[in-house]
């Protein structure tokens, strides 16, 4: 039997999930929690094989509850079941240690199979979630913007605290040219001010 703890702050939704899991002969619901803090305490008490976790809950959100549950018992598996799917929430839950992420709108059979798969050691992601993660990884892996040699010279002088007139004198160019180079830098880096241009360039190891 797969021993499951259901954590969801909506009583009707939680009751529906419990009822759905009750139709599977190999799944036993051993506890219900109405908020993240209660889920952490109950998980420590009943030590379920799997926690079916909502994300937005009072007291403690699902990602934080997941992290605490797994800190106390790393053998427990967590499957997020939620209606929310923003990038930060997805990544937050996965970073906290969740082994799966399904949407409540998923077919009932898919949810039951998700519980079985995650309890069995697999990772389960709803197709839309998997696609979002792939897009995020690709975006994070995108090559750094290419700045020209002159744009880098200007940005390095900005980083030292020089003003536009000082940069113009240092590079023997006009102030208007300095401004043009900076505008190109801002556009390429997707920023709107000198400070963010410098900090982002450092993060991207352009400086």
C-alpha atoms as a PDB file:
ATOM      1  CA  UNK A   1       0.000   0.000   0.000  1.00  0.00           C
ATOM      2  CA  UNK A   2       1.106   3.553  -0.778  1.00  0.00           C
ATOM      3  CA  UNK A   3       0.512   5.641   2.335  1.00  0.00           C
ATOM      4  CA  UNK A   4      -0.460   9.185   1.324  1.00  0.00           C
ATOM      5  CA  UNK A   5      -0.887  12.448   3.214  1.00  0.00           C
ATOM      6  CA  UNK A   6      -3.102  15.013   1.430  1.00  0.00           C
ATOM      7  CA  UNK A   7      -2.341  18.699   2.072  1.00  0.00           C
ATOM      8  CA  UNK A   8      -4.821  21.228   0.674  1.00  0.00           C
ATOM      9  CA  UNK A   9      -6.481  24.216   2.331  1.00  0.00           C
ATOM     10  CA  UNK A  10      -9.814  23.855   0.511  1.00  0.00           C
ATOM     11  CA  UNK A  11     -11.991  21.281   2.345  1.00  0.00           C
ATOM     12  CA  UNK A  12     -14.104  20.395  -0.696  1.00  0.00           C
ATOM     13  CA  UNK A  13     -11.077  20.001  -2.961  1.00  0.00           C
ATOM     14  CA  UNK A  14      -9.236  18.014  -0.298  1.00  0.00           C
ATOM     15  CA  UNK A  15     -12.251  15.787   0.173  1.00  0.00           C
ATOM     16  CA  UNK A  16     -12.440  15.188  -3.579  1.00  0.00           C
ATOM     17  CA  UNK A  17      -8.770  14.203  -3.713  1.00  0.00           C
ATOM     18  CA  UNK A  18      -9.167  11.855  -0.760  1.00  0.00           C
ATOM     19  CA  UNK A  19     -12.219  10.306  -2.421  1.00  0.00           C
ATOM     20  CA  UNK A  20     -10.359   9.858  -5.695  1.00  0.00           C
ATOM     21  CA  UNK A  21      -7.408   8.158  -4.010  1.00  0.00           C
ATOM     22  CA  UNK A  22      -9.833   5.927  -2.147  1.00  0.00           C
ATOM     23  CA  UNK A  23     -10.881   4.361  -5.439  1.00  0.00           C
ATOM     24  CA  UNK A  24      -7.375   2.934  -5.909  1.00  0.00           C
ATOM     25  CA  UNK A  25      -6.861  -0.370  -4.154  1.00  0.00           C
ATOM     26  CA  UNK A  26      -3.144   0.220  -3.603  1.00  0.00           C
ATOM     27  CA  UNK A  27      -3.380   3.722  -2.062  1.00  0.00           C
ATOM     28  CA  UNK A  28      -4.273   4.540   1.545  1.00  0.00           C
ATOM     29  CA  UNK A  29      -4.831   8.109   2.787  1.00  0.00           C
ATOM     30  CA  UNK A  30      -3.231   8.262   6.233  1.00  0.00           C
ATOM     31  CA  UNK A  31      -3.744  11.948   6.943  1.00  0.00           C
ATOM     32  CA  UNK A  32      -5.186  15.275   5.827  1.00  0.00           C
ATOM     33  CA  UNK A  33      -3.765  18.752   6.434  1.00  0.00           C
ATOM     34  CA  UNK A  34      -5.404  22.128   5.813  1.00  0.00           C
ATOM     35  CA  UNK A  35      -2.200  24.179   5.761  1.00  0.00           C
ATOM     36  CA  UNK A  36       1.522  23.779   5.237  1.00  0.00           C
ATOM     37  CA  UNK A  37       2.481  23.911   8.915  1.00  0.00           C
ATOM     38  CA  UNK A  38      -0.034  21.193   9.758  1.00  0.00           C
ATOM     39  CA  UNK A  39       1.304  19.108   6.870  1.00  0.00           C
ATOM     40  CA  UNK A  40       4.837  19.279   8.300  1.00  0.00           C
ATOM     41  CA  UNK A  41       3.685  18.193  11.773  1.00  0.00           C
ATOM     42  CA  UNK A  42       1.438  15.436  10.464  1.00  0.00           C
ATOM     43  CA  UNK A  43       4.085  14.107   8.094  1.00  0.00           C
ATOM     44  CA  UNK A  44       6.506  13.787  11.010  1.00  0.00           C
ATOM     45  CA  UNK A  45       3.841  11.883  12.949  1.00  0.00           C
ATOM     46  CA  UNK A  46       2.476   9.462  10.354  1.00  0.00           C
ATOM     47  CA  UNK A  47       5.571   9.289   8.093  1.00  0.00           C
ATOM     48  CA  UNK A  48       3.706   8.799   4.792  1.00  0.00           C
ATOM     49  CA  UNK A  49       5.289   7.354   1.673  1.00  0.00           C
ATOM     50  CA  UNK A  50       4.053  10.353  -0.283  1.00  0.00           C
ATOM     51  CA  UNK A  51       2.610  13.798   0.384  1.00  0.00           C
ATOM     52  CA  UNK A  52       0.170  15.174  -2.171  1.00  0.00           C
ATOM     53  CA  UNK A  53       0.893  18.877  -1.734  1.00  0.00           C
ATOM     54  CA  UNK A  54      -0.966  22.016  -2.760  1.00  0.00           C
ATOM     55  CA  UNK A  55       1.199  25.120  -3.232  1.00  0.00           C
ATOM     56  CA  UNK A  56      -0.784  28.086  -1.941  1.00  0.00           C
ATOM     57  CA  UNK A  57      -1.753  27.386   1.653  1.00  0.00           C
ATOM     58  CA  UNK A  58      -1.912  29.456   4.859  1.00  0.00           C
ATOM     59  CA  UNK A  59       0.693  29.291   7.635  1.00  0.00           C
ATOM     60  CA  UNK A  60       3.303  27.805   5.305  1.00  0.00           C
ATOM     61  CA  UNK A  61       3.203  27.486   1.530  1.00  0.00           C
ATOM     62  CA  UNK A  62       3.634  24.184  -0.259  1.00  0.00           C
ATOM     63  CA  UNK A  63       7.246  24.724  -1.316  1.00  0.00           C
ATOM     64  CA  UNK A  64       8.371  25.631   2.216  1.00  0.00           C
ATOM     65  CA  UNK A  65       6.377  22.732   3.678  1.00  0.00           C
ATOM     66  CA  UNK A  66       7.978  20.383   1.159  1.00  0.00           C
ATOM     67  CA  UNK A  67      11.467  21.489   2.168  1.00  0.00           C
ATOM     68  CA  UNK A  68      10.725  20.972   5.869  1.00  0.00           C
ATOM     69  CA  UNK A  69       9.093  17.580   5.380  1.00  0.00           C
ATOM     70  CA  UNK A  70      12.035  16.292   3.351  1.00  0.00           C
ATOM     71  CA  UNK A  71      14.514  17.707   5.865  1.00  0.00           C
ATOM     72  CA  UNK A  72      12.876  15.584   8.562  1.00  0.00           C
ATOM     73  CA  UNK A  73      12.378  12.505   6.396  1.00  0.00           C
ATOM     74  CA  UNK A  74      14.230  12.411   3.050  1.00  0.00           C
ATOM     75  CA  UNK A  75      12.554   9.102   2.173  1.00  0.00           C
ATOM     76  CA  UNK A  76       9.159  10.787   1.846  1.00  0.00           C
ATOM     77  CA  UNK A  77       8.183  11.686  -1.697  1.00  0.00           C
ATOM     78  CA  UNK A  78       6.253  14.858  -2.511  1.00  0.00           C
ATOM     79  CA  UNK A  79       3.920  15.257  -5.479  1.00  0.00           C
ATOM     80  CA  UNK A  80       2.640  18.796  -6.008  1.00  0.00           C
ATOM     81  CA  UNK A  81      -0.992  18.928  -7.100  1.00  0.00           C
ATOM     82  CA  UNK A  82      -2.112  22.495  -7.690  1.00  0.00           C
ATOM     83  CA  UNK A  83      -3.952  24.907  -9.963  1.00  0.00           C
ATOM     84  CA  UNK A  84      -0.973  27.298 -10.079  1.00  0.00           C
ATOM     85  CA  UNK A  85       1.777  27.079 -12.663  1.00  0.00           C
ATOM     86  CA  UNK A  86       3.903  30.223 -12.710  1.00  0.00           C
ATOM     87  CA  UNK A  87       7.598  29.688 -13.398  1.00  0.00           C
ATOM     88  CA  UNK A  88       8.651  30.775  -9.906  1.00  0.00           C
ATOM     89  CA  UNK A  89       6.176  28.412  -8.253  1.00  0.00           C
ATOM     90  CA  UNK A  90       7.238  25.499 -10.433  1.00  0.00           C
ATOM     91  CA  UNK A  91      10.929  26.082  -9.802  1.00  0.00           C
ATOM     92  CA  UNK A  92      10.341  26.778  -6.114  1.00  0.00           C
ATOM     93  CA  UNK A  93       8.560  23.474  -5.598  1.00  0.00           C
ATOM     94  CA  UNK A  94      11.160  21.504  -7.528  1.00  0.00           C
ATOM     95  CA  UNK A  95      14.025  23.264  -5.756  1.00  0.00           C
ATOM     96  CA  UNK A  96      12.398  22.354  -2.448  1.00  0.00           C
ATOM     97  CA  UNK A  97      12.603  18.683  -3.421  1.00  0.00           C
ATOM     98  CA  UNK A  98       9.236  17.836  -4.964  1.00  0.00           C
ATOM     99  CA  UNK A  99       9.418  14.763  -7.203  1.00  0.00           C
ATOM    100  CA  UNK A 100       6.407  15.616  -9.319  1.00  0.00           C
ATOM    101  CA  UNK A 101       4.144  18.451 -10.376  1.00  0.00           C
ATOM    102  CA  UNK A 102       0.621  17.854 -11.662  1.00  0.00           C
ATOM    103  CA  UNK A 103      -2.314  20.179 -12.183  1.00  0.00           C
ATOM    104  CA  UNK A 104      -5.659  19.601 -10.488  1.00  0.00           C
ATOM    105  CA  UNK A 105      -7.305  19.788 -13.897  1.00  0.00           C
ATOM    106  CA  UNK A 106      -5.463  16.616 -14.952  1.00  0.00           C
ATOM    107  CA  UNK A 107      -7.575  13.503 -15.646  1.00  0.00           C
ATOM    108  CA  UNK A 108      -8.243  11.479 -12.495  1.00  0.00           C
ATOM    109  CA  UNK A 109      -6.411   8.457 -13.883  1.00  0.00           C
ATOM    110  CA  UNK A 110      -3.348  10.633 -14.491  1.00  0.00           C
ATOM    111  CA  UNK A 111      -3.340  11.819 -10.870  1.00  0.00           C
ATOM    112  CA  UNK A 112      -3.571   8.270  -9.525  1.00  0.00           C
ATOM    113  CA  UNK A 113      -0.812   7.076 -11.847  1.00  0.00           C
ATOM    114  CA  UNK A 114       1.248  10.096 -10.822  1.00  0.00           C
ATOM    115  CA  UNK A 115       0.977   9.060  -7.179  1.00  0.00           C
ATOM    116  CA  UNK A 116       2.072   5.521  -8.043  1.00  0.00           C
ATOM    117  CA  UNK A 117       4.969   6.699 -10.201  1.00  0.00           C
ATOM    118  CA  UNK A 118       6.334   9.217  -7.700  1.00  0.00           C
ATOM    119  CA  UNK A 119       5.938   6.764  -4.824  1.00  0.00           C
ATOM    120  CA  UNK A 120       7.898   4.297  -6.953  1.00  0.00           C
ATOM    121  CA  UNK A 121      10.818   6.674  -7.289  1.00  0.00           C
ATOM    122  CA  UNK A 122      10.029   8.335 -10.599  1.00  0.00           C
ATOM    123  CA  UNK A 123       9.631  12.017 -11.438  1.00  0.00           C
ATOM    124  CA  UNK A 124       6.316  13.104 -12.922  1.00  0.00           C
ATOM    125  CA  UNK A 125       5.630  16.448 -14.602  1.00  0.00           C
ATOM    126  CA  UNK A 126       2.457  17.589 -16.313  1.00  0.00           C
ATOM    127  CA  UNK A 127       3.210  18.173 -20.028  1.00  0.00           C
ATOM    128  CA  UNK A 128       2.606  21.919 -19.758  1.00  0.00           C
ATOM    129  CA  UNK A 129       4.982  22.084 -16.775  1.00  0.00           C
ATOM    130  CA  UNK A 130       7.674  20.100 -18.574  1.00  0.00           C
ATOM    131  CA  UNK A 131       7.402  22.432 -21.568  1.00  0.00           C
ATOM    132  CA  UNK A 132       7.724  25.507 -19.336  1.00  0.00           C
ATOM    133  CA  UNK A 133      10.824  24.100 -17.659  1.00  0.00           C
ATOM    134  CA  UNK A 134      12.439  23.333 -21.006  1.00  0.00           C
ATOM    135  CA  UNK A 135      11.775  26.907 -22.135  1.00  0.00           C
ATOM    136  CA  UNK A 136      13.201  28.271 -18.879  1.00  0.00           C
ATOM    137  CA  UNK A 137      16.361  26.177 -19.152  1.00  0.00           C
ATOM    138  CA  UNK A 138      16.860  27.245 -22.752  1.00  0.00           C
ATOM    139  CA  UNK A 139      16.398  30.890 -21.801  1.00  0.00           C
ATOM    140  CA  UNK A 140      18.877  30.546 -18.927  1.00  0.00           C
ATOM    141  CA  UNK A 141      21.347  28.888 -21.269  1.00  0.00           C
ATOM    142  CA  UNK A 142      21.061  31.610 -23.907  1.00  0.00           C
ATOM    143  CA  UNK A 143      24.441  33.100 -24.878  1.00  0.00           C
ATOM    144  CA  UNK A 144      25.440  36.365 -23.262  1.00  0.00           C
ATOM    145  CA  UNK A 145      24.836  39.503 -25.353  1.00  0.00           C
ATOM    146  CA  UNK A 146      27.781  40.466 -27.533  1.00  0.00           C
ATOM    147  CA  UNK A 147      29.114  43.944 -26.806  1.00  0.00           C
ATOM    148  CA  UNK A 148      31.566  45.608 -29.153  1.00  0.00           C
ATOM    149  CA  UNK A 149      35.087  46.383 -27.983  1.00  0.00           C
ATOM    150  CA  UNK A 150      34.232  50.086 -27.727  1.00  0.00           C
ATOM    151  CA  UNK A 151      31.008  49.378 -25.802  1.00  0.00           C
ATOM    152  CA  UNK A 152      33.005  47.292 -23.348  1.00  0.00           C
ATOM    153  CA  UNK A 153      35.549  50.094 -22.967  1.00  0.00           C
ATOM    154  CA  UNK A 154      32.774  52.552 -22.176  1.00  0.00           C
ATOM    155  CA  UNK A 155      31.120  50.157 -19.727  1.00  0.00           C
ATOM    156  CA  UNK A 156      34.407  49.478 -17.927  1.00  0.00           C
ATOM    157  CA  UNK A 157      34.869  53.212 -17.395  1.00  0.00           C
ATOM    158  CA  UNK A 158      31.259  53.488 -16.188  1.00  0.00           C
ATOM    159  CA  UNK A 159      32.099  50.743 -13.689  1.00  0.00           C
ATOM    160  CA  UNK A 160      34.965  52.835 -12.331  1.00  0.00           C
ATOM    161  CA  UNK A 161      32.562  55.700 -11.691  1.00  0.00           C
ATOM    162  CA  UNK A 162      33.517  57.975 -14.579  1.00  0.00           C
ATOM    163  CA  UNK A 163      30.911  60.368 -15.952  1.00  0.00           C
ATOM    164  CA  UNK A 164      30.097  60.713 -19.640  1.00  0.00           C
ATOM    165  CA  UNK A 165      32.405  63.763 -20.062  1.00  0.00           C
ATOM    166  CA  UNK A 166      35.237  61.905 -18.316  1.00  0.00           C
ATOM    167  CA  UNK A 167      34.703  58.825 -20.499  1.00  0.00           C
ATOM    168  CA  UNK A 168      34.710  61.017 -23.596  1.00  0.00           C
ATOM    169  CA  UNK A 169      38.057  62.533 -22.598  1.00  0.00           C
ATOM    170  CA  UNK A 170      39.546  59.139 -21.694  1.00  0.00           C
ATOM    171  CA  UNK A 171      38.607  57.608 -25.040  1.00  0.00           C
ATOM    172  CA  UNK A 172      39.091  60.790 -27.136  1.00  0.00           C
ATOM    173  CA  UNK A 173      35.508  60.679 -28.412  1.00  0.00           C
ATOM    174  CA  UNK A 174      32.551  63.036 -28.131  1.00  0.00           C
ATOM    175  CA  UNK A 175      29.994  62.923 -25.330  1.00  0.00           C
ATOM    176  CA  UNK A 176      27.266  62.201 -27.879  1.00  0.00           C
ATOM    177  CA  UNK A 177      29.209  59.126 -28.982  1.00  0.00           C
ATOM    178  CA  UNK A 178      29.505  57.957 -25.374  1.00  0.00           C
ATOM    179  CA  UNK A 179      25.746  58.303 -24.958  1.00  0.00           C
ATOM    180  CA  UNK A 180      25.163  56.341 -28.159  1.00  0.00           C
ATOM    181  CA  UNK A 181      27.414  53.523 -26.991  1.00  0.00           C
ATOM    182  CA  UNK A 182      25.627  53.420 -23.644  1.00  0.00           C
ATOM    183  CA  UNK A 183      22.224  53.298 -25.329  1.00  0.00           C
ATOM    184  CA  UNK A 184      23.416  50.329 -27.383  1.00  0.00           C
ATOM    185  CA  UNK A 185      24.692  48.639 -24.224  1.00  0.00           C
ATOM    186  CA  UNK A 186      21.369  49.220 -22.434  1.00  0.00           C
ATOM    187  CA  UNK A 187      19.470  47.801 -25.407  1.00  0.00           C
ATOM    188  CA  UNK A 188      21.649  44.700 -25.714  1.00  0.00           C
ATOM    189  CA  UNK A 189      21.531  43.971 -21.985  1.00  0.00           C
ATOM    190  CA  UNK A 190      17.860  44.814 -21.623  1.00  0.00           C
ATOM    191  CA  UNK A 191      18.425  47.379 -18.871  1.00  0.00           C
ATOM    192  CA  UNK A 192      17.579  51.044 -18.415  1.00  0.00           C
ATOM    193  CA  UNK A 193      20.320  52.498 -16.227  1.00  0.00           C
ATOM    194  CA  UNK A 194      24.096  52.534 -15.776  1.00  0.00           C
ATOM    195  CA  UNK A 195      24.157  50.696 -12.443  1.00  0.00           C
ATOM    196  CA  UNK A 196      22.129  47.745 -13.693  1.00  0.00           C
ATOM    197  CA  UNK A 197      24.191  47.632 -16.897  1.00  0.00           C
ATOM    198  CA  UNK A 198      27.379  47.253 -14.869  1.00  0.00           C
ATOM    199  CA  UNK A 199      25.996  44.696 -12.398  1.00  0.00           C
ATOM    200  CA  UNK A 200      24.443  42.587 -15.164  1.00  0.00           C
ATOM    201  CA  UNK A 201      27.639  42.722 -17.219  1.00  0.00           C
ATOM    202  CA  UNK A 202      29.503  41.446 -14.164  1.00  0.00           C
ATOM    203  CA  UNK A 203      26.959  38.675 -13.647  1.00  0.00           C
ATOM    204  CA  UNK A 204      27.404  37.659 -17.292  1.00  0.00           C
ATOM    205  CA  UNK A 205      31.194  37.918 -16.872  1.00  0.00           C
ATOM    206  CA  UNK A 206      31.489  40.513 -19.585  1.00  0.00           C
ATOM    207  CA  UNK A 207      33.476  42.677 -17.184  1.00  0.00           C
END
